[in-house]
């Protein structure tokens, strides 16, 4: 049975150089209208968790939340999914440092007017600031990662870094951890503490 996961897989294969027939067929069958372009799977986990917490089923609304595997891929995905390709509305999140990739990639695909939202450093930084380091440490303990965090903090490279910087770096030290905490941190947010880039992204969908 075709679902939004099938469409994501078809688009990813298309972007990797495969044929686009499956993506085109699924886009029509699923009535896909918007693609949310995100740098990585942790961003996708956070966006999906926020939507679910607001009682929204983005797939049923024709919205595809798509991890591109890096900001440098945005131009390729924009060409396939935007006006030159499937004609979908494009939106998404990017890190401040990756803004130039988005600007160039979208301009080349004639999608410069599509709306993207920029995180001050990255999404993890936004979430840690919104929750506070004490609350994030509590969540790390609840997830069973406190010993790993203490081991990480003893590394010489962490000396001189702020607690927020240390936590942000810790989330990226093990494969899959950023994805898991993308969901965990979002689910722990009070409704009035959701970072502006996420609020604005979801409001525009």
Foldseek 3Di string as FASTA:
>chain_A
DDFLVQLQVLLLVVLVPDDNPSNLVSCVVQVAAEEAEEAALLQLLLLVLLCVVVVHDQRNVNYRYYHNNGLLSLLSSCCCVPDVHNNHQYEYEDEPVSVVSNCVSCVVSVNNVRYYFYDDGDQLLLLCVLQDLVVVQVLCVVVVNNVVLVVQCPDPVNPPPDSSVSVSVSQPPDPPSSNVVSNVSSVPGDPVSRGPNSVVVVVVD
